[in-house]
Amino acid sequence: MLIPCLACESRFRPDEYFSACSDYNRGLDLVSWTCPRCGNRDDLRVLPGELGFGYPHRGRFDVHDRVRVPGLRRQRGDLRLDISLDRASWHVPSRLRQVA
């Protein structure tokens, strides 16, 4: 299974793809991802069996494009998102946001 970058169309093994996730925004339930090849930054939502790409809009995240990833699972924690596929797993930490 190879997962694409929607900007440059490079394809990545799941370990390389999910290791490039840098921040979990629990409030909007989205993950920040930076392409290891082109440097494009995407916001995405990890859903059961697929990735949802889109944009924050009016206080929520609107999914516009979906990429199927059969067997993909997720578990929300207070300070991270746990992603699993087959026997592999990745942990995406939440960045603590300061209240102004």
PDB file of N, CA and C in Angstrom:
ATOM      1  N   MET A   1       0.839  -1.179   0.000  1.00  0.00           N
ATOM      2  CA  MET A   1       0.000   0.000   0.000  1.00  0.00           C
ATOM      3  C   MET A   1       0.883   1.240   0.000  1.00  0.00           C
ATOM      4  N   LEU A   2       0.666   2.135  -0.941  1.00  0.00           N
ATOM      5  CA  LEU A   2       1.380   3.403  -1.014  1.00  0.00           C
ATOM      6  C   LEU A   2       0.371   4.540  -0.901  1.00  0.00           C
ATOM      7  N   ILE A   3       0.692   5.532  -0.088  1.00  0.00           N
ATOM      8  CA  ILE A   3      -0.205   6.662   0.162  1.00  0.00           C
ATOM      9  C   ILE A   3       0.374   7.885  -0.548  1.00  0.00           C
ATOM     10  N   PRO A   4      -0.460   8.602  -1.342  1.00  0.00           N
ATOM     11  CA  PRO A   4       0.075   9.700  -2.146  1.00  0.00           C
ATOM     12  C   PRO A   4       0.117  11.045  -1.424  1.00  0.00           C
ATOM     13  N   CYS A   5       1.051  11.886  -1.881  1.00  0.00           N
ATOM     14  CA  CYS A   5       1.010  13.318  -1.576  1.00  0.00           C
ATOM     15  C   CYS A   5       0.111  13.923  -2.645  1.00  0.00           C
ATOM     16  N   LEU A   6      -0.896  14.667  -2.264  1.00  0.00           N
ATOM     17  CA  LEU A   6      -1.817  15.232  -3.246  1.00  0.00           C
ATOM     18  C   LEU A   6      -1.190  16.377  -4.034  1.00  0.00           C
ATOM     19  N   ALA A   7      -0.080  16.940  -3.559  1.00  0.00           N
ATOM     20  CA  ALA A   7       0.559  18.062  -4.253  1.00  0.00           C
ATOM     21  C   ALA A   7       1.524  17.579  -5.341  1.00  0.00           C
ATOM     22  N   CYS A   8       2.456  16.685  -4.987  1.00  0.00           N
ATOM     23  CA  CYS A   8       3.490  16.276  -5.952  1.00  0.00           C
ATOM     24  C   CYS A   8       3.256  14.871  -6.506  1.00  0.00           C
ATOM     25  N   GLU A   9       2.257  14.167  -5.974  1.00  0.00           N
ATOM     26  CA  GLU A   9       1.884  12.822  -6.406  1.00  0.00           C
ATOM     27  C   GLU A   9       2.932  11.752  -6.094  1.00  0.00           C
ATOM     28  N   SER A  10       3.915  12.084  -5.251  1.00  0.00           N
ATOM     29  CA  SER A  10       4.831  11.048  -4.759  1.00  0.00           C
ATOM     30  C   SER A  10       4.034  10.089  -3.891  1.00  0.00           C
ATOM     31  N   ARG A  11       4.491   8.852  -3.811  1.00  0.00           N
ATOM     32  CA  ARG A  11       3.792   7.847  -3.010  1.00  0.00           C
ATOM     33  C   ARG A  11       4.725   7.318  -1.934  1.00  0.00           C
ATOM     34  N   PHE A  12       4.144   7.048  -0.752  1.00  0.00           N
ATOM     35  CA  PHE A  12       4.940   6.669   0.410  1.00  0.00           C
ATOM     36  C   PHE A  12       4.379   5.423   1.071  1.00  0.00           C
ATOM     37  N   ARG A  13       5.292   4.605   1.613  1.00  0.00           N
ATOM     38  CA  ARG A  13       4.868   3.493   2.464  1.00  0.00           C
ATOM     39  C   ARG A  13       4.228   4.083   3.716  1.00  0.00           C
ATOM     40  N   PRO A  14       3.312   3.375   4.368  1.00  0.00           N
ATOM     41  CA  PRO A  14       2.648   3.926   5.556  1.00  0.00           C
ATOM     42  C   PRO A  14       3.611   4.429   6.627  1.00  0.00           C
ATOM     43  N   ASP A  15       4.716   3.713   6.886  1.00  0.00           N
ATOM     44  CA  ASP A  15       5.635   4.161   7.931  1.00  0.00           C
ATOM     45  C   ASP A  15       6.239   5.521   7.593  1.00  0.00           C
ATOM     46  N   GLU A  16       6.643   5.706   6.347  1.00  0.00           N
ATOM     47  CA  GLU A  16       7.215   6.988   5.937  1.00  0.00           C
ATOM     48  C   GLU A  16       6.153   8.088   5.967  1.00  0.00           C
ATOM     49  N   TYR A  17       4.946   7.756   5.550  1.00  0.00           N
ATOM     50  CA  TYR A  17       3.864   8.743   5.510  1.00  0.00           C
ATOM     51  C   TYR A  17       3.481   9.209   6.921  1.00  0.00           C
ATOM     52  N   PHE A  18       3.171   8.269   7.804  1.00  0.00           N
ATOM     53  CA  PHE A  18       2.684   8.648   9.135  1.00  0.00           C
ATOM     54  C   PHE A  18       3.794   9.168  10.042  1.00  0.00           C
ATOM     55  N   SER A  19       5.038   8.833   9.734  1.00  0.00           N
ATOM     56  CA  SER A  19       6.153   9.414  10.493  1.00  0.00           C
ATOM     57  C   SER A  19       6.325  10.899  10.183  1.00  0.00           C
ATOM     58  N   ALA A  20       5.761  11.363   9.078  1.00  0.00           N
ATOM     59  CA  ALA A  20       5.844  12.779   8.691  1.00  0.00           C
ATOM     60  C   ALA A  20       4.705  13.607   9.293  1.00  0.00           C
ATOM     61  N   CYS A  21       3.850  12.985  10.104  1.00  0.00           N
ATOM     62  CA  CYS A  21       2.790  13.730  10.800  1.00  0.00           C
ATOM     63  C   CYS A  21       3.410  14.430  12.005  1.00  0.00           C
ATOM     64  N   SER A  22       3.075  15.708  12.191  1.00  0.00           N
ATOM     65  CA  SER A  22       3.788  16.478  13.210  1.00  0.00           C
ATOM     66  C   SER A  22       2.923  17.019  14.338  1.00  0.00           C
ATOM     67  N   ASP A  23       1.640  17.129  14.155  1.00  0.00           N
ATOM     68  CA  ASP A  23       0.825  17.806  15.163  1.00  0.00           C
ATOM     69  C   ASP A  23      -0.611  17.326  15.058  1.00  0.00           C
ATOM     70  N   TYR A  24      -1.211  17.036  16.201  1.00  0.00           N
ATOM     71  CA  TYR A  24      -2.622  16.657  16.248  1.00  0.00           C
ATOM     72  C   TYR A  24      -3.405  17.767  16.919  1.00  0.00           C
ATOM     73  N   ASN A  25      -4.360  18.333  16.208  1.00  0.00           N
ATOM     74  CA  ASN A  25      -5.257  19.349  16.750  1.00  0.00           C
ATOM     75  C   ASN A  25      -6.528  18.628  17.183  1.00  0.00           C
ATOM     76  N   ARG A  26      -6.655  18.380  18.481  1.00  0.00           N
ATOM     77  CA  ARG A  26      -7.787  17.603  18.982  1.00  0.00           C
ATOM     78  C   ARG A  26      -9.105  18.342  18.796  1.00  0.00           C
ATOM     79  N   GLY A  27      -9.074  19.679  18.928  1.00  0.00           N
ATOM     80  CA  GLY A  27     -10.297  20.464  18.784  1.00  0.00           C
ATOM     81  C   GLY A  27     -10.932  20.323  17.410  1.00  0.00           C
ATOM     82  N   LEU A  28     -10.121  20.358  16.361  1.00  0.00           N
ATOM     83  CA  LEU A  28     -10.625  20.194  14.993  1.00  0.00           C
ATOM     84  C   LEU A  28     -10.479  18.757  14.501  1.00  0.00           C
ATOM     85  N   ASP A  29      -9.858  17.895  15.318  1.00  0.00           N
ATOM     86  CA  ASP A  29      -9.617  16.494  14.974  1.00  0.00           C
ATOM     87  C   ASP A  29      -8.872  16.379  13.644  1.00  0.00           C
ATOM     88  N   LEU A  30      -7.733  17.102  13.555  1.00  0.00           N
ATOM     89  CA  LEU A  30      -6.943  17.031  12.335  1.00  0.00           C
ATOM     90  C   LEU A  30      -5.464  16.878  12.650  1.00  0.00           C
ATOM     91  N   VAL A  31      -4.761  16.330  11.690  1.00  0.00           N
ATOM     92  CA  VAL A  31      -3.331  16.076  11.793  1.00  0.00           C
ATOM     93  C   VAL A  31      -2.620  16.934  10.752  1.00  0.00           C
ATOM     94  N   SER A  32      -1.483  17.519  11.120  1.00  0.00           N
ATOM     95  CA  SER A  32      -0.640  18.242  10.164  1.00  0.00           C
ATOM     96  C   SER A  32       0.372  17.264   9.590  1.00  0.00           C
ATOM     97  N   TRP A  33       0.527  17.300   8.283  1.00  0.00           N
ATOM     98  CA  TRP A  33       1.455  16.407   7.590  1.00  0.00           C
ATOM     99  C   TRP A  33       2.282  17.225   6.613  1.00  0.00           C
ATOM    100  N   THR A  34       3.595  16.963   6.558  1.00  0.00           N
ATOM    101  CA  THR A  34       4.489  17.636   5.616  1.00  0.00           C
ATOM    102  C   THR A  34       5.125  16.590   4.716  1.00  0.00           C
ATOM    103  N   CYS A  35       4.981  16.772   3.417  1.00  0.00           N
ATOM    104  CA  CYS A  35       5.525  15.815   2.448  1.00  0.00           C
ATOM    105  C   CYS A  35       7.049  15.778   2.545  1.00  0.00           C
ATOM    106  N   PRO A  36       7.623  14.590   2.727  1.00  0.00           N
ATOM    107  CA  PRO A  36       9.081  14.477   2.799  1.00  0.00           C
ATOM    108  C   PRO A  36       9.790  14.834   1.488  1.00  0.00           C
ATOM    109  N   ARG A  37       9.073  14.809   0.358  1.00  0.00           N
ATOM    110  CA  ARG A  37       9.702  15.103  -0.935  1.00  0.00           C
ATOM    111  C   ARG A  37       9.564  16.565  -1.332  1.00  0.00           C
ATOM    112  N   CYS A  38       8.345  17.100  -1.348  1.00  0.00           N
ATOM    113  CA  CYS A  38       8.146  18.462  -1.872  1.00  0.00           C
ATOM    114  C   CYS A  38       7.987  19.509  -0.776  1.00  0.00           C
ATOM    115  N   GLY A  39       7.784  19.092   0.479  1.00  0.00           N
ATOM    116  CA  GLY A  39       7.638  20.041   1.577  1.00  0.00           C
ATOM    117  C   GLY A  39       6.246  20.620   1.726  1.00  0.00           C
ATOM    118  N   ASN A  40       5.293  20.196   0.879  1.00  0.00           N
ATOM    119  CA  ASN A  40       3.918  20.681   0.997  1.00  0.00           C
ATOM    120  C   ASN A  40       3.339  20.268   2.346  1.00  0.00           C
ATOM    121  N   ARG A  41       2.593  21.170   2.967  1.00  0.00           N
ATOM    122  CA  ARG A  41       1.954  20.884   4.254  1.00  0.00           C
ATOM    123  C   ARG A  41       0.457  20.724   4.029  1.00  0.00           C
ATOM    124  N   ASP A  42      -0.090  19.628   4.516  1.00  0.00           N
ATOM    125  CA  ASP A  42      -1.524  19.361   4.416  1.00  0.00           C
ATOM    126  C   ASP A  42      -2.101  19.143   5.798  1.00  0.00           C
ATOM    127  N   ASP A  43      -3.357  19.516   5.951  1.00  0.00           N
ATOM    128  CA  ASP A  43      -4.132  19.138   7.125  1.00  0.00           C
ATOM    129  C   ASP A  43      -5.013  17.980   6.696  1.00  0.00           C
ATOM    130  N   LEU A  44      -5.098  16.966   7.536  1.00  0.00           N
ATOM    131  CA  LEU A  44      -5.909  15.809   7.185  1.00  0.00           C
ATOM    132  C   LEU A  44      -6.573  15.237   8.423  1.00  0.00           C
ATOM    133  N   ARG A  45      -7.631  14.524   8.173  1.00  0.00           N
ATOM    134  CA  ARG A  45      -8.334  13.826   9.245  1.00  0.00           C
ATOM    135  C   ARG A  45      -8.147  12.329   9.013  1.00  0.00           C
ATOM    136  N   VAL A  46      -7.728  11.637  10.053  1.00  0.00           N
ATOM    137  CA  VAL A  46      -7.577  10.185   9.983  1.00  0.00           C
ATOM    138  C   VAL A  46      -8.935   9.584  10.337  1.00  0.00           C
ATOM    139  N   LEU A  47      -9.497   8.850   9.390  1.00  0.00           N
ATOM    140  CA  LEU A  47     -10.806   8.224   9.563  1.00  0.00           C
ATOM    141  C   LEU A  47     -10.638   6.710   9.445  1.00  0.00           C
ATOM    142  N   PRO A  48     -11.572   5.934   9.952  1.00  0.00           N
ATOM    143  CA  PRO A  48     -11.461   4.482   9.786  1.00  0.00           C
ATOM    144  C   PRO A  48     -11.435   4.114   8.299  1.00  0.00           C
ATOM    145  N   GLY A  49     -10.324   3.547   7.842  1.00  0.00           N
ATOM    146  CA  GLY A  49     -10.207   3.093   6.469  1.00  0.00           C
ATOM    147  C   GLY A  49      -9.879   4.148   5.438  1.00  0.00           C
ATOM    148  N   GLU A  50      -9.665   5.400   5.858  1.00  0.00           N
ATOM    149  CA  GLU A  50      -9.342   6.430   4.872  1.00  0.00           C
ATOM    150  C   GLU A  50      -8.751   7.676   5.516  1.00  0.00           C
ATOM    151  N   LEU A  51      -8.122   8.496   4.679  1.00  0.00           N
ATOM    152  CA  LEU A  51      -7.626   9.806   5.082  1.00  0.00           C
ATOM    153  C   LEU A  51      -8.506  10.850   4.410  1.00  0.00           C
ATOM    154  N   GLY A  52      -8.910  11.865   5.164  1.00  0.00           N
ATOM    155  CA  GLY A  52      -9.727  12.942   4.623  1.00  0.00           C
ATOM    156  C   GLY A  52      -8.929  14.234   4.583  1.00  0.00           C
ATOM    157  N   PHE A  53      -8.809  14.824   3.398  1.00  0.00           N
ATOM    158  CA  PHE A  53      -8.060  16.065   3.214  1.00  0.00           C
ATOM    159  C   PHE A  53      -9.033  17.216   3.029  1.00  0.00           C
ATOM    160  N   GLY A  54      -8.699  18.361   3.617  1.00  0.00           N
ATOM    161  CA  GLY A  54      -9.587  19.505   3.484  1.00  0.00           C
ATOM    162  C   GLY A  54      -9.010  20.737   4.132  1.00  0.00           C
ATOM    163  N   TYR A  55      -9.926  21.595   4.635  1.00  0.00           N
ATOM    164  CA  TYR A  55      -9.526  22.886   5.178  1.00  0.00           C
ATOM    165  C   TYR A  55     -10.379  23.240   6.390  1.00  0.00           C
ATOM    166  N   PRO A  56      -9.771  23.914   7.374  1.00  0.00           N
ATOM    167  CA  PRO A  56     -10.584  24.466   8.464  1.00  0.00           C
ATOM    168  C   PRO A  56     -11.512  25.539   7.888  1.00  0.00           C
ATOM    169  N   HIS A  57     -12.770  25.518   8.302  1.00  0.00           N
ATOM    170  CA  HIS A  57     -13.757  26.474   7.792  1.00  0.00           C
ATOM    171  C   HIS A  57     -14.829  26.688   8.849  1.00  0.00           C
ATOM    172  N   ARG A  58     -14.977  27.931   9.301  1.00  0.00           N
ATOM    173  CA  ARG A  58     -16.005  28.293  10.288  1.00  0.00           C
ATOM    174  C   ARG A  58     -15.958  27.421  11.537  1.00  0.00           C
ATOM    175  N   GLY A  59     -14.754  27.224  12.060  1.00  0.00           N
ATOM    176  CA  GLY A  59     -14.604  26.499  13.312  1.00  0.00           C
ATOM    177  C   GLY A  59     -14.662  24.990  13.211  1.00  0.00           C
ATOM    178  N   ARG A  60     -14.693  24.458  11.998  1.00  0.00           N
ATOM    179  CA  ARG A  60     -14.675  23.005  11.828  1.00  0.00           C
ATOM    180  C   ARG A  60     -13.788  22.652  10.646  1.00  0.00           C
ATOM    181  N   PHE A  61     -13.545  21.369  10.442  1.00  0.00           N
ATOM    182  CA  PHE A  61     -12.689  20.909   9.353  1.00  0.00           C
ATOM    183  C   PHE A  61     -13.564  20.257   8.294  1.00  0.00           C
ATOM    184  N   ASP A  62     -13.567  20.834   7.090  1.00  0.00           N
ATOM    185  CA  ASP A  62     -14.354  20.293   5.984  1.00  0.00           C
ATOM    186  C   ASP A  62     -13.480  19.390   5.122  1.00  0.00           C
ATOM    187  N   VAL A  63     -13.865  18.125   4.990  1.00  0.00           N
ATOM    188  CA  VAL A  63     -13.137  17.166   4.161  1.00  0.00           C
ATOM    189  C   VAL A  63     -13.603  17.319   2.713  1.00  0.00           C
ATOM    190  N   HIS A  64     -12.628  17.513   1.792  1.00  0.00           N
ATOM    191  CA  HIS A  64     -12.946  17.674   0.372  1.00  0.00           C
ATOM    192  C   HIS A  64     -12.477  16.492  -0.468  1.00  0.00           C
ATOM    193  N   ASP A  65     -11.379  15.856  -0.076  1.00  0.00           N
ATOM    194  CA  ASP A  65     -10.832  14.718  -0.813  1.00  0.00           C
ATOM    195  C   ASP A  65     -10.569  13.574   0.158  1.00  0.00           C
ATOM    196  N   ARG A  66     -10.773  12.351  -0.317  1.00  0.00           N
ATOM    197  CA  ARG A  66     -10.553  11.171   0.514  1.00  0.00           C
ATOM    198  C   ARG A  66      -9.632  10.193  -0.202  1.00  0.00           C
ATOM    199  N   VAL A  67      -8.743   9.584   0.575  1.00  0.00           N
ATOM    200  CA  VAL A  67      -7.852   8.542   0.059  1.00  0.00           C
ATOM    201  C   VAL A  67      -8.092   7.299   0.903  1.00  0.00           C
ATOM    202  N   ARG A  68      -8.512   6.215   0.244  1.00  0.00           N
ATOM    203  CA  ARG A  68      -8.786   4.977   0.976  1.00  0.00           C
ATOM    204  C   ARG A  68      -7.490   4.321   1.431  1.00  0.00           C
ATOM    205  N   VAL A  69      -7.482   3.907   2.701  1.00  0.00           N
ATOM    206  CA  VAL A  69      -6.361   3.162   3.285  1.00  0.00           C
ATOM    207  C   VAL A  69      -6.996   2.006   4.063  1.00  0.00           C
ATOM    208  N   PRO A  70      -7.282   0.888   3.374  1.00  0.00           N
ATOM    209  CA  PRO A  70      -7.964  -0.227   4.031  1.00  0.00           C
ATOM    210  C   PRO A  70      -7.229  -0.688   5.292  1.00  0.00           C
ATOM    211  N   GLY A  71      -7.994  -0.875   6.361  1.00  0.00           N
ATOM    212  CA  GLY A  71      -7.439  -1.344   7.626  1.00  0.00           C
ATOM    213  C   GLY A  71      -6.946  -0.246   8.553  1.00  0.00           C
ATOM    214  N   LEU A  72      -7.002   1.012   8.105  1.00  0.00           N
ATOM    215  CA  LEU A  72      -6.538   2.134   8.929  1.00  0.00           C
ATOM    216  C   LEU A  72      -7.469   2.320  10.124  1.00  0.00           C
ATOM    217  N   ARG A  73      -6.864   2.477  11.304  1.00  0.00           N
ATOM    218  CA  ARG A  73      -7.645   2.690  12.531  1.00  0.00           C
ATOM    219  C   ARG A  73      -7.055   3.854  13.306  1.00  0.00           C
ATOM    220  N   ARG A  74      -7.840   4.415  14.201  1.00  0.00           N
ATOM    221  CA  ARG A  74      -7.408   5.558  15.006  1.00  0.00           C
ATOM    222  C   ARG A  74      -7.985   5.479  16.405  1.00  0.00           C
ATOM    223  N   GLN A  75      -7.279   6.083  17.347  1.00  0.00           N
ATOM    224  CA  GLN A  75      -7.747   6.165  18.732  1.00  0.00           C
ATOM    225  C   GLN A  75      -7.360   7.533  19.259  1.00  0.00           C
ATOM    226  N   ARG A  76      -8.346   8.329  19.637  1.00  0.00           N
ATOM    227  CA  ARG A  76      -8.079   9.667  20.169  1.00  0.00           C
ATOM    228  C   ARG A  76      -7.729   9.594  21.637  1.00  0.00           C
ATOM    229  N   GLY A  77      -6.661  10.285  22.005  1.00  0.00           N
ATOM    230  CA  GLY A  77      -6.285  10.431  23.401  1.00  0.00           C
ATOM    231  C   GLY A  77      -6.358  11.898  23.776  1.00  0.00           C
ATOM    232  N   ASP A  78      -6.129  12.208  25.048  1.00  0.00           N
ATOM    233  CA  ASP A  78      -6.161  13.603  25.479  1.00  0.00           C
ATOM    234  C   ASP A  78      -5.048  14.421  24.840  1.00  0.00           C
ATOM    235  N   LEU A  79      -3.872  13.830  24.715  1.00  0.00           N
ATOM    236  CA  LEU A  79      -2.720  14.588  24.231  1.00  0.00           C
ATOM    237  C   LEU A  79      -2.092  14.005  22.973  1.00  0.00           C
ATOM    238  N   ARG A  80      -2.798  13.087  22.291  1.00  0.00           N
ATOM    239  CA  ARG A  80      -2.248  12.523  21.062  1.00  0.00           C
ATOM    240  C   ARG A  80      -3.322  11.758  20.300  1.00  0.00           C
ATOM    241  N   LEU A  81      -2.983  11.457  19.049  1.00  0.00           N
ATOM    242  CA  LEU A  81      -3.797  10.578  18.222  1.00  0.00           C
ATOM    243  C   LEU A  81      -2.954   9.352  17.911  1.00  0.00           C
ATOM    244  N   ASP A  82      -3.494   8.178  18.176  1.00  0.00           N
ATOM    245  CA  ASP A  82      -2.815   6.927  17.853  1.00  0.00           C
ATOM    246  C   ASP A  82      -3.386   6.404  16.540  1.00  0.00           C
ATOM    247  N   ILE A  83      -2.506   6.146  15.586  1.00  0.00           N
ATOM    248  CA  ILE A  83      -2.887   5.646  14.270  1.00  0.00           C
ATOM    249  C   ILE A  83      -2.328   4.239  14.140  1.00  0.00           C
ATOM    250  N   SER A  84      -3.133   3.307  13.642  1.00  0.00           N
ATOM    251  CA  SER A  84      -2.623   1.949  13.443  1.00  0.00           C
ATOM    252  C   SER A  84      -3.092   1.401  12.098  1.00  0.00           C
ATOM    253  N   LEU A  85      -2.232   0.578  11.528  1.00  0.00           N
ATOM    254  CA  LEU A  85      -2.505  -0.079  10.254  1.00  0.00           C
ATOM    255  C   LEU A  85      -1.790  -1.420  10.298  1.00  0.00           C
ATOM    256  N   ASP A  86      -2.549  -2.482  10.128  1.00  0.00           N
ATOM    257  CA  ASP A  86      -2.009  -3.830  10.272  1.00  0.00           C
ATOM    258  C   ASP A  86      -1.389  -3.951  11.669  1.00  0.00           C
ATOM    259  N   ARG A  87      -0.105  -4.287  11.768  1.00  0.00           N
ATOM    260  CA  ARG A  87       0.527  -4.423  13.082  1.00  0.00           C
ATOM    261  C   ARG A  87       1.344  -3.203  13.481  1.00  0.00           C
ATOM    262  N   ALA A  88       1.417  -2.203  12.627  1.00  0.00           N
ATOM    263  CA  ALA A  88       2.212  -0.995  12.907  1.00  0.00           C
ATOM    264  C   ALA A  88       1.338   0.075  13.566  1.00  0.00           C
ATOM    265  N   SER A  89       1.990   0.948  14.340  1.00  0.00           N
ATOM    266  CA  SER A  89       1.252   2.063  14.949  1.00  0.00           C
ATOM    267  C   SER A  89       2.151   3.289  15.040  1.00  0.00           C
ATOM    268  N   TRP A  90       1.501   4.459  15.054  1.00  0.00           N
ATOM    269  CA  TRP A  90       2.185   5.743  15.132  1.00  0.00           C
ATOM    270  C   TRP A  90       1.434   6.615  16.123  1.00  0.00           C
ATOM    271  N   HIS A  91       2.161   7.475  16.805  1.00  0.00           N
ATOM    272  CA  HIS A  91       1.566   8.375  17.794  1.00  0.00           C
ATOM    273  C   HIS A  91       1.847   9.805  17.347  1.00  0.00           C
ATOM    274  N   VAL A  92       0.782  10.585  17.165  1.00  0.00           N
ATOM    275  CA  VAL A  92       0.930  11.985  16.755  1.00  0.00           C
ATOM    276  C   VAL A  92       0.567  12.845  17.958  1.00  0.00           C
ATOM    277  N   PRO A  93       1.548  13.545  18.528  1.00  0.00           N
ATOM    278  CA  PRO A  93       1.284  14.335  19.740  1.00  0.00           C
ATOM    279  C   PRO A  93       0.503  15.611  19.438  1.00  0.00           C
ATOM    280  N   SER A  94      -0.248  16.056  20.438  1.00  0.00           N
ATOM    281  CA  SER A  94      -0.912  17.359  20.356  1.00  0.00           C
ATOM    282  C   SER A  94       0.093  18.427  20.726  1.00  0.00           C
ATOM    283  N   ARG A  95       0.053  19.509  20.012  1.00  0.00           N
ATOM    284  CA  ARG A  95       0.881  20.659  20.385  1.00  0.00           C
ATOM    285  C   ARG A  95       0.054  21.465  21.372  1.00  0.00           C
ATOM    286  N   LEU A  96       0.642  21.776  22.503  1.00  0.00           N
ATOM    287  CA  LEU A  96      -0.076  22.550  23.510  1.00  0.00           C
ATOM    288  C   LEU A  96      -0.231  23.974  23.015  1.00  0.00           C
ATOM    289  N   ARG A  97      -1.463  24.455  23.016  1.00  0.00           N
ATOM    290  CA  ARG A  97      -1.756  25.799  22.553  1.00  0.00           C
ATOM    291  C   ARG A  97      -1.928  26.718  23.747  1.00  0.00           C
ATOM    292  N   GLN A  98      -1.345  27.891  23.653  1.00  0.00           N
ATOM    293  CA  GLN A  98      -1.449  28.850  24.746  1.00  0.00           C
ATOM    294  C   GLN A  98      -2.724  29.666  24.590  1.00  0.00           C
ATOM    295  N   VAL A  99      -3.378  29.896  25.702  1.00  0.00           N
ATOM    296  CA  VAL A  99      -4.584  30.716  25.702  1.00  0.00           C
ATOM    297  C   VAL A  99      -4.157  32.168  25.826  1.00  0.00           C
ATOM    298  N   ALA A 100      -4.674  33.008  24.940  1.00  0.00           N
ATOM    299  CA  ALA A 100      -4.288  34.433  24.955  1.00  0.00           C
ATOM    300  C   ALA A 100      -5.047  35.197  26.013  1.00  0.00           C
TER     301      ALA A 100
END
